[in-house]
Amino acid sequence: NDDIDEEFVLKLHEREPGASLSPIHINLRGLPGELLTNVAETISESLGSEKPNFCVGIPDAGIPIAEEFSKITEIPELRVLAKGQSLSGRQIVPAPFSQRGEGRSILLVDDLVTQADTKLEAAKAVEELGFRVFGVAVLIDREQGGATQLANKGYRLFAALKLTEVLRFYVQFGLITVQRYNQAMSYLAENK
């Protein structure tokens, strides 16, 4: 909503409490069925012809997307990740009593990537279970370093959209003001 002048906390604030708050809030949780299907289809198109053996949603936002992605692609969805707690905050860990991967490939599915902290936690967790990470698939890359962090660790990112593309679309069609667009673009330039 363009009338809201709020700033939002991201996971990176657990590690860097002094980091600038984001003027951009993307909430893909609780999407209605048809829209969730569109999100999953868009993500599946970003993969191309290669397919993993399994997919898994990163808790919590990625789970409904992975469920729908599995229905569309017929790639089996597994529930092998859980949220845990560590001294540094919340963390993605292997779910209790999860099946073993035995070297099979698994795609991590989530709503978006900012920095790759949660994605890297999820990758480590599935690797501990014996899976090979096929890649990470998201609807939106916020373009704040997550793609580079994943690449540096050898993981592919399949992002259907880049945040700057979404913002350009929104301003072009009057869904946000030029002022809000400029504010968001300044924030992204300063927080890559």
Protein backbone atom coordinates (compact mmCIF):
# COMPACT_ATOMS: atom_id res chain seq x y z
CA ASN A 1 0.00 0.00 0.00
CA ASP A 2 1.53 3.27 -1.14
CA ASP A 3 -0.05 5.30 1.67
CA ILE A 4 1.89 3.48 4.37
CA ASP A 5 5.15 5.09 5.49
CA GLU A 6 6.60 2.12 7.32
CA GLU A 7 9.94 0.42 7.35
CA PHE A 8 10.35 -3.29 7.84
CA VAL A 9 12.72 -5.59 9.69
CA LEU A 10 14.29 -8.43 7.70
CA LYS A 11 16.14 -11.54 8.88
CA LEU A 12 19.43 -9.75 8.20
CA HIS A 13 18.60 -7.52 11.21
CA GLU A 14 19.19 -10.50 13.52
CA ARG A 15 22.81 -10.52 12.35
CA GLU A 16 23.14 -6.77 11.71
CA PRO A 17 20.77 -4.92 14.08
CA GLY A 18 22.01 -1.54 12.81
CA ALA A 19 21.22 -2.28 9.14
CA SER A 20 18.81 0.12 7.43
CA LEU A 21 15.17 -0.91 7.68
CA SER A 22 13.54 -1.77 4.37
CA PRO A 23 10.84 0.48 2.85
CA ILE A 24 9.73 -2.56 0.81
CA HIS A 25 7.54 -5.25 2.36
CA ILE A 26 6.63 -8.27 0.25
CA ASN A 27 4.21 -10.65 1.92
CA LEU A 28 3.45 -13.83 -0.03
CA ARG A 29 1.96 -15.68 2.94
CA GLY A 30 -1.69 -16.67 2.94
CA LEU A 31 -2.19 -16.20 -0.80
CA PRO A 32 -5.57 -17.29 -2.18
CA GLY A 33 -5.52 -20.53 -4.20
CA GLU A 34 -5.45 -19.14 -7.73
CA LEU A 35 -2.72 -16.62 -6.91
CA LEU A 36 -0.67 -19.30 -5.13
CA THR A 37 -0.98 -21.45 -8.27
CA ASN A 38 0.25 -18.53 -10.39
CA VAL A 39 3.25 -18.04 -8.09
CA ALA A 40 4.14 -21.75 -8.25
CA GLU A 41 3.76 -21.80 -12.05
CA THR A 42 5.97 -18.74 -12.41
CA ILE A 43 8.64 -20.31 -10.21
CA SER A 44 8.46 -23.58 -12.14
CA GLU A 45 9.01 -21.73 -15.43
CA SER A 46 12.27 -20.31 -14.06
CA LEU A 47 13.76 -23.83 -13.75
CA GLY A 48 13.87 -24.69 -17.42
CA SER A 49 13.97 -28.34 -18.44
CA GLU A 50 16.15 -29.73 -15.62
CA LYS A 51 14.22 -31.24 -12.73
CA PRO A 52 15.24 -32.26 -9.20
CA ASN A 53 14.14 -35.51 -7.55
CA PHE A 54 12.28 -33.64 -4.79
CA CYS A 55 11.31 -30.18 -3.58
CA VAL A 56 10.98 -28.78 -0.07
CA GLY A 57 9.47 -25.56 1.18
CA ILE A 58 11.61 -23.48 3.52
CA PRO A 59 9.49 -22.91 6.64
CA ASP A 60 7.16 -21.12 6.82
CA ALA A 61 6.53 -19.02 3.71
CA GLY A 62 7.96 -21.60 1.31
CA ILE A 63 5.78 -24.53 2.40
CA PRO A 64 2.50 -23.63 0.64
CA ILE A 65 4.46 -22.56 -2.45
CA ALA A 66 6.32 -25.89 -2.51
CA GLU A 67 3.03 -27.80 -2.09
CA GLU A 68 1.54 -26.05 -5.11
CA PHE A 69 4.82 -26.31 -7.05
CA SER A 70 4.76 -30.07 -6.45
CA LYS A 71 1.19 -30.37 -7.77
CA ILE A 72 2.06 -28.43 -10.92
CA THR A 73 5.40 -30.08 -11.70
CA GLU A 74 4.72 -33.55 -10.23
CA ILE A 75 8.04 -33.27 -8.39
CA PRO A 76 7.43 -34.91 -5.00
CA GLU A 77 7.43 -32.54 -2.05
CA LEU A 78 9.14 -33.61 1.16
CA ARG A 79 8.80 -32.15 4.65
CA VAL A 80 12.38 -32.42 5.89
CA LEU A 81 12.94 -28.92 7.29
CA ALA A 82 11.86 -27.32 10.55
CA LYS A 83 12.43 -24.09 12.43
CA GLY A 84 14.82 -24.27 15.33
CA GLN A 85 16.33 -21.82 17.76
CA SER A 86 19.99 -21.11 18.36
CA LEU A 87 21.91 -18.52 20.36
CA SER A 88 21.93 -16.29 17.27
CA GLY A 89 18.16 -16.53 16.71
CA ARG A 90 15.80 -18.62 14.62
CA GLN A 91 17.32 -21.14 12.29
CA ILE A 92 16.33 -23.79 9.71
CA VAL A 93 17.24 -27.35 10.78
CA PRO A 94 16.48 -30.92 9.68
CA ALA A 95 13.01 -31.98 10.79
CA PRO A 96 12.96 -34.85 13.31
CA PHE A 97 12.66 -38.31 11.75
CA SER A 98 13.22 -37.00 8.20
CA GLN A 99 13.95 -39.40 5.40
CA ARG A 100 17.49 -39.65 4.13
CA GLY A 101 18.47 -38.19 0.77
CA GLU A 102 20.97 -40.83 -0.34
CA GLY A 103 22.49 -38.34 -2.80
CA ARG A 104 19.21 -37.48 -4.54
CA SER A 105 18.63 -33.89 -5.57
CA ILE A 106 16.26 -31.52 -3.80
CA LEU A 107 15.08 -28.04 -4.73
CA LEU A 108 14.64 -25.51 -1.92
CA VAL A 109 11.51 -23.41 -2.51
CA ASP A 110 10.77 -20.08 -0.84
CA ASP A 111 8.95 -16.82 -1.48
CA LEU A 112 11.93 -14.51 -1.93
CA VAL A 113 15.60 -14.01 -1.24
CA THR A 114 17.16 -10.95 0.37
CA GLN A 115 20.44 -12.18 1.75
CA ALA A 116 20.94 -15.92 1.72
CA ASP A 117 21.13 -16.69 5.46
CA THR A 118 17.93 -18.76 5.63
CA LYS A 119 18.59 -20.43 2.26
CA LEU A 120 22.09 -21.44 3.38
CA GLU A 121 20.71 -22.83 6.66
CA ALA A 122 18.18 -24.86 4.66
CA ALA A 123 20.87 -26.11 2.27
CA LYS A 124 23.04 -27.22 5.18
CA ALA A 125 20.07 -28.99 6.80
CA VAL A 126 19.14 -31.00 3.68
CA GLU A 127 22.79 -31.83 3.05
CA GLU A 128 23.03 -33.17 6.62
CA LEU A 129 20.19 -35.51 5.61
CA GLY A 130 22.16 -36.70 2.58
CA PHE A 131 20.41 -34.71 -0.16
CA ARG A 132 22.22 -32.86 -2.92
CA VAL A 133 20.95 -29.29 -3.34
CA PHE A 134 19.64 -28.84 -6.87
CA GLY A 135 19.17 -25.12 -6.29
CA VAL A 136 16.99 -22.53 -4.63
CA ALA A 137 13.79 -21.36 -6.34
CA VAL A 138 12.01 -18.14 -5.35
CA LEU A 139 9.47 -15.80 -6.87
CA ILE A 140 11.44 -12.61 -6.12
CA ASP A 141 15.12 -11.79 -5.77
CA ARG A 142 15.27 -8.61 -3.67
CA GLU A 143 18.73 -8.03 -5.19
CA GLN A 144 20.41 -7.49 -1.83
CA GLY A 145 23.23 -9.99 -2.13
CA GLY A 146 21.45 -13.33 -1.72
CA ALA A 147 22.11 -14.47 -5.29
CA THR A 148 25.83 -13.77 -4.90
CA GLN A 149 26.01 -15.47 -1.50
CA LEU A 150 24.33 -18.59 -2.92
CA ALA A 151 26.60 -18.61 -5.98
CA ASN A 152 29.68 -18.25 -3.77
CA LYS A 153 28.63 -21.43 -1.95
CA GLY A 154 27.96 -23.27 -5.23
CA TYR A 155 24.15 -23.08 -5.20
CA ARG A 156 22.04 -22.00 -8.16
CA LEU A 157 19.29 -19.46 -7.70
CA PHE A 158 16.17 -19.71 -9.83
CA ALA A 159 14.38 -16.38 -9.36
CA ALA A 160 11.30 -15.69 -11.44
CA LEU A 161 11.46 -11.93 -10.86
CA LYS A 162 13.90 -9.29 -9.70
CA LEU A 163 12.59 -6.66 -7.28
CA THR A 164 13.69 -3.80 -9.55
CA GLU A 165 11.50 -5.27 -12.34
CA VAL A 166 8.52 -5.41 -9.99
CA LEU A 167 9.09 -1.83 -8.84
CA ARG A 168 9.37 -0.56 -12.43
CA PHE A 169 6.09 -2.30 -13.29
CA TYR A 170 4.38 -0.82 -10.23
CA VAL A 171 5.46 2.75 -10.95
CA GLN A 172 4.72 2.42 -14.68
CA PHE A 173 1.14 1.38 -13.97
CA GLY A 174 0.56 3.84 -11.12
CA LEU A 175 0.48 1.22 -8.37
CA ILE A 176 3.11 3.17 -6.43
CA THR A 177 4.14 6.81 -6.63
CA VAL A 178 7.37 7.98 -8.22
CA GLN A 179 8.42 9.11 -4.73
CA ARG A 180 7.90 5.59 -3.30
CA TYR A 181 9.72 4.09 -6.32
CA ASN A 182 12.70 6.42 -5.83
CA GLN A 183 12.76 5.64 -2.09
CA ALA A 184 12.80 1.89 -2.79
CA MET A 185 15.46 2.18 -5.49
CA SER A 186 17.66 4.30 -3.19
CA TYR A 187 17.32 1.73 -0.45
CA LEU A 188 18.31 -1.09 -2.85
CA ALA A 189 21.31 0.88 -4.14
CA GLU A 190 22.53 1.44 -0.58
CA ASN A 191 21.84 -2.12 0.62
CA LYS A 192 23.20 -4.49 -2.03
